[in-house]
Amino acid sequence: MTEEWSLPERPDSAEFVALLTTGGTIASSRDEHGVSRPVAGVGVDMDGVVVREVMSKDSSALDLADLDAIRTAVVDALAEDGCAGVVVLHGTDTMEESALYVDLFHDDARAVVFTGAQRTADHPDPDGPANITAAVTAARSEQGVLIAFGGRVLPARGAIKKHTSELDAFRSAAVPRPDPLRWQPVAGVRVDVVALYPGADGVQIDACREAGASGIVLEALGSGNTNALVVHAVKEAVAAGLHVVVTTRVPFGETSPTYGGGGGGHDLLDAGAVFSRELRAGQARIQLAALVATGATDVVVHNSFA
């Protein structure tokens, strides 16, 4: 099992926090019809904070090329003399994916803190300003890649958005952090997520394989279970060279390949699937895409999720 990786000590001579904007609700306003839309620029004026716009997009519209761009902007900011840490303003819909992506390659002592908002910037009582303040504070004092949101500062690895609208929207499982990967861009890598349900068959898995996917993440039932039709499709996908990773639709708890009977987790394991013990589908997809991009072997993929 991979041991948790420790970051080096933070430098003492840092001066400013780089705040990178990417869009999202925190940088949105409502039009005359009540529709939230991202706007260019964020009105942040804080001592010791330097604002740079990376993009202005709703996070639900981001693709893997955008994640590459965010990660590159983070690295560029940390390379500047006097940078104490980085804050990334980001939409909440896919914050957990982007934060994990940066975390997978992060080998710096300084913190990268993702934050955003549930309420638009023009709301009578916006939550963005408090989240930004908490994120800047964490960027100056903490380590690793974090999410600061709704009064909590959480590790990026294992994070999920647990509520669509509550201000305290995120939770994170205690998942050990492995060694950082050697960075390679993930744009162009196809990894699909297939949600499983009672009566599911192999049609979606077969379609992903035929579409050229390098990997598939199964959002399975319970502790990682399905039925015999899905197991058969997984076996064929693995034989065709795809990585198949099993997660669960249950919000928290470990997956476990213990059930048999033709469609249980043990049968998926026998078919060649790898179990993601703690990462849920969104983050498991990002980790698998990063592993594929770096040319990871089957053994490395297995160990990274185990």
C-alpha atoms as a PDB file:
ATOM      1  CA  MET A   1       0.000   0.000   0.000  1.00  0.00           C
ATOM      2  CA  THR A   2       1.351   3.441  -0.900  1.00  0.00           C
ATOM      3  CA  GLU A   3       2.503   5.461   2.110  1.00  0.00           C
ATOM      4  CA  GLU A   4       1.426   9.054   2.582  1.00  0.00           C
ATOM      5  CA  TRP A   5       3.880  11.496   1.048  1.00  0.00           C
ATOM      6  CA  SER A   6       5.185  14.397   3.151  1.00  0.00           C
ATOM      7  CA  LEU A   7       5.748  17.884   1.748  1.00  0.00           C
ATOM      8  CA  PRO A   8       8.962  19.786   2.535  1.00  0.00           C
ATOM      9  CA  GLU A   9       8.892  22.756   4.903  1.00  0.00           C
ATOM     10  CA  ARG A  10       7.453  26.066   3.738  1.00  0.00           C
ATOM     11  CA  PRO A  11       9.862  28.918   2.883  1.00  0.00           C
ATOM     12  CA  ASP A  12      10.034  31.846   5.324  1.00  0.00           C
ATOM     13  CA  SER A  13      10.553  34.714   2.857  1.00  0.00           C
ATOM     14  CA  ALA A  14       7.195  34.732   1.049  1.00  0.00           C
ATOM     15  CA  GLU A  15       5.393  38.055   0.540  1.00  0.00           C
ATOM     16  CA  PHE A  16       2.169  37.752  -1.447  1.00  0.00           C
ATOM     17  CA  VAL A  17      -0.632  35.335  -2.273  1.00  0.00           C
ATOM     18  CA  ALA A  18      -1.457  34.804  -5.939  1.00  0.00           C
ATOM     19  CA  LEU A  19      -5.221  34.685  -6.492  1.00  0.00           C
ATOM     20  CA  LEU A  20      -6.160  32.998  -9.776  1.00  0.00           C
ATOM     21  CA  THR A  21      -9.677  33.450 -11.124  1.00  0.00           C
ATOM     22  CA  THR A  22     -11.333  30.835 -13.328  1.00  0.00           C
ATOM     23  CA  GLY A  23     -15.008  31.821 -13.155  1.00  0.00           C
ATOM     24  CA  GLY A  24     -17.845  30.109 -11.321  1.00  0.00           C
ATOM     25  CA  THR A  25     -20.621  31.436  -9.123  1.00  0.00           C
ATOM     26  CA  ILE A  26     -18.179  33.527  -7.084  1.00  0.00           C
ATOM     27  CA  ALA A  27     -17.482  35.511 -10.277  1.00  0.00           C
ATOM     28  CA  SER A  28     -21.068  35.535 -11.567  1.00  0.00           C
ATOM     29  CA  SER A  29     -24.024  37.880 -11.431  1.00  0.00           C
ATOM     30  CA  ARG A  30     -27.702  37.400 -12.225  1.00  0.00           C
ATOM     31  CA  ASP A  31     -29.266  38.975 -15.287  1.00  0.00           C
ATOM     32  CA  GLU A  32     -32.764  40.425 -15.537  1.00  0.00           C
ATOM     33  CA  HIS A  33     -34.174  36.906 -15.850  1.00  0.00           C
ATOM     34  CA  GLY A  34     -32.416  35.640 -12.725  1.00  0.00           C
ATOM     35  CA  VAL A  35     -29.914  33.553 -14.695  1.00  0.00           C
ATOM     36  CA  SER A  36     -26.381  33.389 -13.252  1.00  0.00           C
ATOM     37  CA  ARG A  37     -23.611  34.067 -15.761  1.00  0.00           C
ATOM     38  CA  PRO A  38     -19.820  34.352 -15.273  1.00  0.00           C
ATOM     39  CA  VAL A  39     -18.401  37.837 -15.693  1.00  0.00           C
ATOM     40  CA  ALA A  40     -14.823  38.851 -16.420  1.00  0.00           C
ATOM     41  CA  GLY A  41     -12.787  39.942 -13.426  1.00  0.00           C
ATOM     42  CA  VAL A  42     -13.340  39.575  -9.682  1.00  0.00           C
ATOM     43  CA  GLY A  43     -13.482  42.559  -7.361  1.00  0.00           C
ATOM     44  CA  VAL A  44     -10.898  41.394  -4.829  1.00  0.00           C
ATOM     45  CA  ASP A  45      -8.845  44.106  -3.162  1.00  0.00           C
ATOM     46  CA  MET A  46      -6.788  42.676  -0.280  1.00  0.00           C
ATOM     47  CA  ASP A  47      -3.373  43.618   1.011  1.00  0.00           C
ATOM     48  CA  GLY A  48      -0.732  41.162  -0.106  1.00  0.00           C
ATOM     49  CA  VAL A  49      -2.959  39.536  -2.735  1.00  0.00           C
ATOM     50  CA  VAL A  50      -2.194  39.697  -6.450  1.00  0.00           C
ATOM     51  CA  VAL A  51      -5.135  38.822  -8.737  1.00  0.00           C
ATOM     52  CA  ARG A  52      -4.670  37.155 -12.106  1.00  0.00           C
ATOM     53  CA  GLU A  53      -7.429  35.989 -14.447  1.00  0.00           C
ATOM     54  CA  VAL A  54      -6.871  32.536 -15.929  1.00  0.00           C
ATOM     55  CA  MET A  55     -10.298  32.093 -17.546  1.00  0.00           C
ATOM     56  CA  SER A  56     -13.940  32.990 -16.984  1.00  0.00           C
ATOM     57  CA  LYS A  57     -16.024  29.841 -17.257  1.00  0.00           C
ATOM     58  CA  ASP A  58     -18.701  28.019 -15.354  1.00  0.00           C
ATOM     59  CA  SER A  59     -16.970  24.982 -13.876  1.00  0.00           C
ATOM     60  CA  SER A  60     -19.536  22.630 -15.402  1.00  0.00           C
ATOM     61  CA  ALA A  61     -18.181  23.714 -18.812  1.00  0.00           C
ATOM     62  CA  LEU A  62     -14.530  22.900 -18.044  1.00  0.00           C
ATOM     63  CA  ASP A  63     -12.721  20.162 -19.950  1.00  0.00           C
ATOM     64  CA  LEU A  64      -9.373  18.460 -19.370  1.00  0.00           C
ATOM     65  CA  ALA A  65      -7.528  21.118 -21.381  1.00  0.00           C
ATOM     66  CA  ASP A  66      -8.874  23.716 -18.933  1.00  0.00           C
ATOM     67  CA  LEU A  67      -7.550  21.650 -16.016  1.00  0.00           C
ATOM     68  CA  ASP A  68      -4.145  21.636 -17.694  1.00  0.00           C
ATOM     69  CA  ALA A  69      -4.375  25.438 -17.968  1.00  0.00           C
ATOM     70  CA  ILE A  70      -5.303  25.833 -14.293  1.00  0.00           C
ATOM     71  CA  ARG A  71      -2.462  23.594 -13.189  1.00  0.00           C
ATOM     72  CA  THR A  72       0.003  25.503 -15.387  1.00  0.00           C
ATOM     73  CA  ALA A  73      -1.190  28.836 -13.952  1.00  0.00           C
ATOM     74  CA  VAL A  74      -0.672  27.497 -10.414  1.00  0.00           C
ATOM     75  CA  VAL A  75       2.877  26.368 -11.194  1.00  0.00           C
ATOM     76  CA  ASP A  76       3.698  29.688 -12.874  1.00  0.00           C
ATOM     77  CA  ALA A  77       2.416  31.604  -9.850  1.00  0.00           C
ATOM     78  CA  LEU A  78       4.470  29.518  -7.419  1.00  0.00           C
ATOM     79  CA  ALA A  79       7.557  30.162  -9.561  1.00  0.00           C
ATOM     80  CA  GLU A  80       7.343  33.909  -8.886  1.00  0.00           C
ATOM     81  CA  ASP A  81       9.664  35.354  -6.251  1.00  0.00           C
ATOM     82  CA  GLY A  82       7.858  36.112  -3.021  1.00  0.00           C
ATOM     83  CA  CYS A  83       4.771  33.960  -3.640  1.00  0.00           C
ATOM     84  CA  ALA A  84       3.494  32.632  -0.287  1.00  0.00           C
ATOM     85  CA  GLY A  85       0.848  30.394  -1.801  1.00  0.00           C
ATOM     86  CA  VAL A  86      -1.950  30.284  -4.343  1.00  0.00           C
ATOM     87  CA  VAL A  87      -5.721  30.663  -4.122  1.00  0.00           C
ATOM     88  CA  VAL A  88      -7.845  29.449  -7.044  1.00  0.00           C
ATOM     89  CA  LEU A  89     -11.364  30.856  -7.396  1.00  0.00           C
ATOM     90  CA  HIS A  90     -13.427  28.118  -9.016  1.00  0.00           C
ATOM     91  CA  GLY A  91     -16.996  26.998  -9.563  1.00  0.00           C
ATOM     92  CA  THR A  92     -18.291  24.466  -7.069  1.00  0.00           C
ATOM     93  CA  ASP A  93     -19.696  21.986  -9.615  1.00  0.00           C
ATOM     94  CA  THR A  94     -16.285  20.544 -10.479  1.00  0.00           C
ATOM     95  CA  MET A  95     -14.040  22.048  -7.811  1.00  0.00           C
ATOM     96  CA  GLU A  96     -13.268  18.590  -6.443  1.00  0.00           C
ATOM     97  CA  GLU A  97     -11.927  17.469  -9.835  1.00  0.00           C
ATOM     98  CA  SER A  98      -9.708  20.488 -10.479  1.00  0.00           C
ATOM     99  CA  ALA A  99      -8.370  20.502  -6.923  1.00  0.00           C
ATOM    100  CA  LEU A 100      -7.448  16.826  -7.098  1.00  0.00           C
ATOM    101  CA  TYR A 101      -5.825  17.345 -10.487  1.00  0.00           C
ATOM    102  CA  VAL A 102      -3.506  19.990  -9.070  1.00  0.00           C
ATOM    103  CA  ASP A 103      -2.902  17.807  -6.010  1.00  0.00           C
ATOM    104  CA  LEU A 104      -1.823  14.817  -8.113  1.00  0.00           C
ATOM    105  CA  PHE A 105       1.231  16.733  -9.359  1.00  0.00           C
ATOM    106  CA  HIS A 106       1.846  19.146  -6.461  1.00  0.00           C
ATOM    107  CA  ASP A 107       5.347  18.800  -5.002  1.00  0.00           C
ATOM    108  CA  ASP A 108       5.763  22.262  -3.462  1.00  0.00           C
ATOM    109  CA  ALA A 109       5.819  23.135   0.242  1.00  0.00           C
ATOM    110  CA  ARG A 110       3.357  25.984  -0.278  1.00  0.00           C
ATOM    111  CA  ALA A 111      -0.398  25.613  -0.250  1.00  0.00           C
ATOM    112  CA  VAL A 112      -2.794  25.811  -3.182  1.00  0.00           C
ATOM    113  CA  VAL A 113      -6.287  26.564  -1.885  1.00  0.00           C
ATOM    114  CA  PHE A 114      -9.438  26.278  -3.978  1.00  0.00           C
ATOM    115  CA  THR A 115     -12.522  28.228  -3.029  1.00  0.00           C
ATOM    116  CA  GLY A 116     -15.700  29.600  -4.559  1.00  0.00           C
ATOM    117  CA  ALA A 117     -19.241  30.463  -3.587  1.00  0.00           C
ATOM    118  CA  GLN A 118     -22.804  29.203  -3.588  1.00  0.00           C
ATOM    119  CA  ARG A 119     -24.198  32.717  -3.981  1.00  0.00           C
ATOM    120  CA  THR A 120     -23.427  35.103  -6.825  1.00  0.00           C
ATOM    121  CA  ALA A 121     -21.276  38.183  -6.310  1.00  0.00           C
ATOM    122  CA  ASP A 122     -24.333  40.468  -6.499  1.00  0.00           C
ATOM    123  CA  HIS A 123     -26.318  38.529  -3.866  1.00  0.00           C
ATOM    124  CA  PRO A 124     -27.455  40.662  -0.887  1.00  0.00           C
ATOM    125  CA  ASP A 125     -25.490  38.355   1.443  1.00  0.00           C
ATOM    126  CA  PRO A 126     -22.731  36.735  -0.639  1.00  0.00           C
ATOM    127  CA  ASP A 127     -20.610  33.930   0.825  1.00  0.00           C
ATOM    128  CA  GLY A 128     -17.680  34.530  -1.518  1.00  0.00           C
ATOM    129  CA  PRO A 129     -15.838  37.211   0.496  1.00  0.00           C
ATOM    130  CA  ALA A 130     -15.610  35.068   3.649  1.00  0.00           C
ATOM    131  CA  ASN A 131     -14.462  32.077   1.622  1.00  0.00           C
ATOM    132  CA  ILE A 132     -11.767  34.139  -0.081  1.00  0.00           C
ATOM    133  CA  THR A 133     -10.513  35.459   3.265  1.00  0.00           C
ATOM    134  CA  ALA A 134     -10.316  31.920   4.667  1.00  0.00           C
ATOM    135  CA  ALA A 135      -8.553  30.678   1.535  1.00  0.00           C
ATOM    136  CA  VAL A 136      -5.943  33.460   1.603  1.00  0.00           C
ATOM    137  CA  THR A 137      -5.270  32.754   5.280  1.00  0.00           C
ATOM    138  CA  ALA A 138      -4.833  29.049   4.538  1.00  0.00           C
ATOM    139  CA  ALA A 139      -2.570  29.794   1.578  1.00  0.00           C
ATOM    140  CA  ARG A 140      -0.221  31.700   3.889  1.00  0.00           C
ATOM    141  CA  SER A 141      -0.025  29.038   6.594  1.00  0.00           C
ATOM    142  CA  GLU A 142      -1.045  25.564   5.390  1.00  0.00           C
ATOM    143  CA  GLN A 143       0.488  22.968   3.082  1.00  0.00           C
ATOM    144  CA  GLY A 144      -0.814  20.838   0.239  1.00  0.00           C
ATOM    145  CA  VAL A 145      -3.841  21.338  -1.996  1.00  0.00           C
ATOM    146  CA  LEU A 146      -6.936  22.290  -0.033  1.00  0.00           C
ATOM    147  CA  ILE A 147     -10.530  23.432  -0.355  1.00  0.00           C
ATOM    148  CA  ALA A 148     -11.581  26.338   1.903  1.00  0.00           C
ATOM    149  CA  PHE A 149     -15.343  26.602   1.913  1.00  0.00           C
ATOM    150  CA  GLY A 150     -18.152  27.411   4.318  1.00  0.00           C
ATOM    151  CA  GLY A 151     -15.913  27.611   7.363  1.00  0.00           C
ATOM    152  CA  ARG A 152     -14.003  24.413   6.637  1.00  0.00           C
ATOM    153  CA  VAL A 153     -10.500  23.842   5.276  1.00  0.00           C
ATOM    154  CA  LEU A 154     -10.372  20.361   3.752  1.00  0.00           C
ATOM    155  CA  PRO A 155      -7.791  18.294   1.878  1.00  0.00           C
ATOM    156  CA  ALA A 156      -8.542  18.194  -1.841  1.00  0.00           C
ATOM    157  CA  ARG A 157      -7.983  14.455  -2.036  1.00  0.00           C
ATOM    158  CA  GLY A 158     -11.202  12.668  -1.147  1.00  0.00           C
ATOM    159  CA  ALA A 159     -13.376  15.794  -1.350  1.00  0.00           C
ATOM    160  CA  ILE A 160     -16.942  15.773  -2.613  1.00  0.00           C
ATOM    161  CA  LYS A 161     -19.617  18.435  -2.937  1.00  0.00           C
ATOM    162  CA  LYS A 162     -22.267  17.031  -0.622  1.00  0.00           C
ATOM    163  CA  HIS A 163     -25.048  19.597  -1.064  1.00  0.00           C
ATOM    164  CA  THR A 164     -26.224  21.573  -4.087  1.00  0.00           C
ATOM    165  CA  SER A 165     -26.930  24.856  -2.284  1.00  0.00           C
ATOM    166  CA  GLU A 166     -25.841  24.849   1.373  1.00  0.00           C
ATOM    167  CA  LEU A 167     -23.049  27.308   2.146  1.00  0.00           C
ATOM    168  CA  ASP A 168     -21.133  24.533   3.920  1.00  0.00           C
ATOM    169  CA  ALA A 169     -21.092  22.430   0.770  1.00  0.00           C
ATOM    170  CA  PHE A 170     -17.998  20.195   0.911  1.00  0.00           C
ATOM    171  CA  ARG A 171     -16.769  17.218   2.890  1.00  0.00           C
ATOM    172  CA  SER A 172     -13.571  15.227   2.535  1.00  0.00           C
ATOM    173  CA  ALA A 173     -12.623  11.684   3.478  1.00  0.00           C
ATOM    174  CA  ALA A 174      -9.297  11.077   5.184  1.00  0.00           C
ATOM    175  CA  VAL A 175      -7.377   9.656   2.219  1.00  0.00           C
ATOM    176  CA  PRO A 176      -3.560   9.273   2.357  1.00  0.00           C
ATOM    177  CA  ARG A 177      -1.731  11.318  -0.266  1.00  0.00           C
ATOM    178  CA  PRO A 178       0.634   9.316  -2.503  1.00  0.00           C
ATOM    179  CA  ASP A 179       3.820  10.584  -4.116  1.00  0.00           C
ATOM    180  CA  PRO A 180       3.196  13.303  -6.722  1.00  0.00           C
ATOM    181  CA  LEU A 181       3.073  12.183 -10.340  1.00  0.00           C
ATOM    182  CA  ARG A 182       5.404  13.450 -13.040  1.00  0.00           C
ATOM    183  CA  TRP A 183       3.261  15.968 -14.890  1.00  0.00           C
ATOM    184  CA  GLN A 184       1.942  15.298 -18.358  1.00  0.00           C
ATOM    185  CA  PRO A 185      -1.029  17.159 -19.874  1.00  0.00           C
ATOM    186  CA  VAL A 186      -4.288  15.208 -19.772  1.00  0.00           C
ATOM    187  CA  ALA A 187      -6.029  17.002 -22.653  1.00  0.00           C
ATOM    188  CA  GLY A 188      -7.055  14.379 -25.190  1.00  0.00           C
ATOM    189  CA  VAL A 189      -7.199  11.494 -22.701  1.00  0.00           C
ATOM    190  CA  ARG A 190     -10.651   9.936 -22.649  1.00  0.00           C
ATOM    191  CA  VAL A 191     -11.877   8.413 -19.399  1.00  0.00           C
ATOM    192  CA  ASP A 192     -15.632   7.926 -19.049  1.00  0.00           C
ATOM    193  CA  VAL A 193     -17.883   7.463 -16.016  1.00  0.00           C
ATOM    194  CA  VAL A 194     -20.662   4.872 -16.175  1.00  0.00           C
ATOM    195  CA  ALA A 195     -23.375   4.968 -13.496  1.00  0.00           C
ATOM    196  CA  LEU A 196     -24.720   1.543 -12.577  1.00  0.00           C
ATOM    197  CA  TYR A 197     -28.254   0.744 -11.420  1.00  0.00           C
ATOM    198  CA  PRO A 198     -30.618  -2.225 -11.025  1.00  0.00           C
ATOM    199  CA  GLY A 199     -30.938  -3.860 -14.446  1.00  0.00           C
ATOM    200  CA  ALA A 200     -27.873  -2.218 -15.965  1.00  0.00           C
ATOM    201  CA  ASP A 201     -26.194  -4.050 -18.832  1.00  0.00           C
ATOM    202  CA  GLY A 202     -22.956  -3.651 -20.780  1.00  0.00           C
ATOM    203  CA  VAL A 203     -24.226  -1.252 -23.466  1.00  0.00           C
ATOM    204  CA  GLN A 204     -22.647   1.888 -22.008  1.00  0.00           C
ATOM    205  CA  ILE A 205     -19.351   0.138 -21.260  1.00  0.00           C
ATOM    206  CA  ASP A 206     -19.211  -1.210 -24.809  1.00  0.00           C
ATOM    207  CA  ALA A 207     -20.003   2.258 -26.194  1.00  0.00           C
ATOM    208  CA  CYS A 208     -17.172   3.843 -24.195  1.00  0.00           C
ATOM    209  CA  ARG A 209     -14.747   1.223 -25.469  1.00  0.00           C
ATOM    210  CA  GLU A 210     -15.848   1.768 -29.063  1.00  0.00           C
ATOM    211  CA  ALA A 211     -15.531   5.556 -28.616  1.00  0.00           C
ATOM    212  CA  GLY A 212     -11.835   5.157 -27.855  1.00  0.00           C
ATOM    213  CA  ALA A 213     -11.793   5.508 -24.084  1.00  0.00           C
ATOM    214  CA  SER A 214      -8.548   4.619 -22.327  1.00  0.00           C
ATOM    215  CA  GLY A 215     -10.391   3.978 -19.098  1.00  0.00           C
ATOM    216  CA  ILE A 216     -13.807   3.668 -17.511  1.00  0.00           C
ATOM    217  CA  VAL A 217     -14.893   4.509 -13.975  1.00  0.00           C
ATOM    218  CA  LEU A 218     -17.882   2.521 -12.758  1.00  0.00           C
ATOM    219  CA  GLU A 219     -20.113   4.207 -10.197  1.00  0.00           C
ATOM    220  CA  ALA A 220     -21.297   0.945  -8.726  1.00  0.00           C
ATOM    221  CA  LEU A 221     -23.849   0.008  -6.066  1.00  0.00           C
ATOM    222  CA  GLY A 222     -23.169  -0.447  -2.364  1.00  0.00           C
ATOM    223  CA  SER A 223     -19.565  -1.321  -1.619  1.00  0.00           C
ATOM    224  CA  GLY A 224     -18.860  -1.828  -5.331  1.00  0.00           C
ATOM    225  CA  ASN A 225     -21.372  -4.282  -6.783  1.00  0.00           C
ATOM    226  CA  THR A 226     -23.361  -4.800  -9.990  1.00  0.00           C
ATOM    227  CA  ASN A 227     -24.627  -7.767 -12.030  1.00  0.00           C
ATOM    228  CA  ALA A 228     -23.278 -10.479 -14.333  1.00  0.00           C
ATOM    229  CA  LEU A 229     -23.959  -8.537 -17.561  1.00  0.00           C
ATOM    230  CA  VAL A 230     -21.814  -5.640 -16.408  1.00  0.00           C
ATOM    231  CA  VAL A 231     -19.076  -7.972 -15.198  1.00  0.00           C
ATOM    232  CA  HIS A 232     -18.950  -9.599 -18.642  1.00  0.00           C
ATOM    233  CA  ALA A 233     -18.638  -6.178 -20.334  1.00  0.00           C
ATOM    234  CA  VAL A 234     -15.873  -5.194 -17.904  1.00  0.00           C
ATOM    235  CA  LYS A 235     -13.956  -8.372 -18.699  1.00  0.00           C
ATOM    236  CA  GLU A 236     -14.132  -7.578 -22.421  1.00  0.00           C
ATOM    237  CA  ALA A 237     -13.081  -3.969 -21.862  1.00  0.00           C
ATOM    238  CA  VAL A 238     -10.057  -5.003 -19.792  1.00  0.00           C
ATOM    239  CA  ALA A 239      -9.113  -7.579 -22.424  1.00  0.00           C
ATOM    240  CA  ALA A 240      -9.205  -4.758 -24.996  1.00  0.00           C
ATOM    241  CA  GLY A 241      -6.657  -2.783 -22.961  1.00  0.00           C
ATOM    242  CA  LEU A 242      -8.887  -0.413 -20.974  1.00  0.00           C
ATOM    243  CA  HIS A 243      -8.405   0.397 -17.309  1.00  0.00           C
ATOM    244  CA  VAL A 244     -11.637  -0.105 -15.348  1.00  0.00           C
ATOM    245  CA  VAL A 245     -11.927   1.471 -11.901  1.00  0.00           C
ATOM    246  CA  VAL A 246     -14.799   0.740  -9.514  1.00  0.00           C
ATOM    247  CA  THR A 247     -16.256   3.395  -7.202  1.00  0.00           C
ATOM    248  CA  THR A 248     -19.664   3.620  -5.534  1.00  0.00           C
ATOM    249  CA  ARG A 249     -22.666   5.919  -5.605  1.00  0.00           C
ATOM    250  CA  VAL A 250     -22.671   5.869  -1.771  1.00  0.00           C
ATOM    251  CA  PRO A 251     -21.199   9.195  -0.565  1.00  0.00           C
ATOM    252  CA  PHE A 252     -18.780   7.877   2.093  1.00  0.00           C
ATOM    253  CA  GLY A 253     -17.066   4.660   3.127  1.00  0.00           C
ATOM    254  CA  GLU A 254     -14.618   2.304   1.458  1.00  0.00           C
ATOM    255  CA  THR A 255     -15.450   0.117  -1.482  1.00  0.00           C
ATOM    256  CA  SER A 256     -14.727  -3.565  -0.935  1.00  0.00           C
ATOM    257  CA  PRO A 257     -14.604  -6.451  -3.451  1.00  0.00           C
ATOM    258  CA  THR A 258     -16.167  -8.987  -1.109  1.00  0.00           C
ATOM    259  CA  TYR A 259     -19.406 -10.088  -2.778  1.00  0.00           C
ATOM    260  CA  GLY A 260     -19.587 -12.882  -5.349  1.00  0.00           C
ATOM    261  CA  GLY A 261     -22.573 -14.449  -7.063  1.00  0.00           C
ATOM    262  CA  GLY A 262     -21.682 -13.390 -10.598  1.00  0.00           C
ATOM    263  CA  GLY A 263     -22.057  -9.624 -10.243  1.00  0.00           C
ATOM    264  CA  GLY A 264     -20.466  -8.670  -6.963  1.00  0.00           C
ATOM    265  CA  GLY A 265     -17.324  -6.706  -6.302  1.00  0.00           C
ATOM    266  CA  HIS A 266     -15.246  -9.876  -6.138  1.00  0.00           C
ATOM    267  CA  ASP A 267     -16.449 -10.775  -9.634  1.00  0.00           C
ATOM    268  CA  LEU A 268     -15.477  -7.315 -10.921  1.00  0.00           C
ATOM    269  CA  LEU A 269     -12.033  -7.803  -9.404  1.00  0.00           C
ATOM    270  CA  ASP A 270     -11.707 -11.172 -11.134  1.00  0.00           C
ATOM    271  CA  ALA A 271     -12.729  -9.493 -14.407  1.00  0.00           C
ATOM    272  CA  GLY A 272      -9.728  -7.169 -14.108  1.00  0.00           C
ATOM    273  CA  ALA A 273     -11.247  -4.076 -12.525  1.00  0.00           C
ATOM    274  CA  VAL A 274      -9.389  -1.986  -9.918  1.00  0.00           C
ATOM    275  CA  PHE A 275     -11.175  -0.727  -6.804  1.00  0.00           C
ATOM    276  CA  SER A 276     -10.921   2.924  -5.789  1.00  0.00           C
ATOM    277  CA  ARG A 277     -11.092   2.542  -2.035  1.00  0.00           C
ATOM    278  CA  GLU A 278     -12.114   6.120  -1.208  1.00  0.00           C
ATOM    279  CA  LEU A 279     -12.132   8.412  -4.250  1.00  0.00           C
ATOM    280  CA  ARG A 280     -15.582   8.806  -5.733  1.00  0.00           C
ATOM    281  CA  ALA A 281     -16.291   8.833  -9.458  1.00  0.00           C
ATOM    282  CA  GLY A 282     -15.385  12.447 -10.255  1.00  0.00           C
ATOM    283  CA  GLN A 283     -11.981  12.338  -8.614  1.00  0.00           C
ATOM    284  CA  ALA A 284     -11.309   8.735  -9.644  1.00  0.00           C
ATOM    285  CA  ARG A 285     -11.803   9.775 -13.276  1.00  0.00           C
ATOM    286  CA  ILE A 286      -9.271  12.600 -12.920  1.00  0.00           C
ATOM    287  CA  GLN A 287      -6.725  10.359 -11.230  1.00  0.00           C
ATOM    288  CA  LEU A 288      -7.113   7.663 -13.875  1.00  0.00           C
ATOM    289  CA  ALA A 289      -6.763  10.222 -16.697  1.00  0.00           C
ATOM    290  CA  ALA A 290      -3.572  11.548 -15.098  1.00  0.00           C
ATOM    291  CA  LEU A 291      -2.186   8.036 -14.718  1.00  0.00           C
ATOM    292  CA  VAL A 292      -2.974   7.226 -18.355  1.00  0.00           C
ATOM    293  CA  ALA A 293      -1.304  10.473 -19.467  1.00  0.00           C
ATOM    294  CA  THR A 294       1.869   9.547 -17.583  1.00  0.00           C
ATOM    295  CA  GLY A 295       1.940   6.074 -19.143  1.00  0.00           C
ATOM    296  CA  ALA A 296       1.290   4.233 -15.887  1.00  0.00           C
ATOM    297  CA  THR A 297       1.359   0.428 -15.988  1.00  0.00           C
ATOM    298  CA  ASP A 298      -1.499  -1.729 -14.738  1.00  0.00           C
ATOM    299  CA  VAL A 299       0.398  -2.313 -11.511  1.00  0.00           C
ATOM    300  CA  VAL A 300       0.911   1.420 -10.930  1.00  0.00           C
ATOM    301  CA  VAL A 301      -2.768   2.094 -11.590  1.00  0.00           C
ATOM    302  CA  HIS A 302      -3.770  -0.618  -9.119  1.00  0.00           C
ATOM    303  CA  ASN A 303      -1.412   0.668  -6.428  1.00  0.00           C
ATOM    304  CA  SER A 304      -2.489   4.279  -6.931  1.00  0.00           C
ATOM    305  CA  PHE A 305      -6.096   3.441  -6.141  1.00  0.00           C
ATOM    306  CA  ALA A 306      -5.447   0.785  -3.506  1.00  0.00           C
END
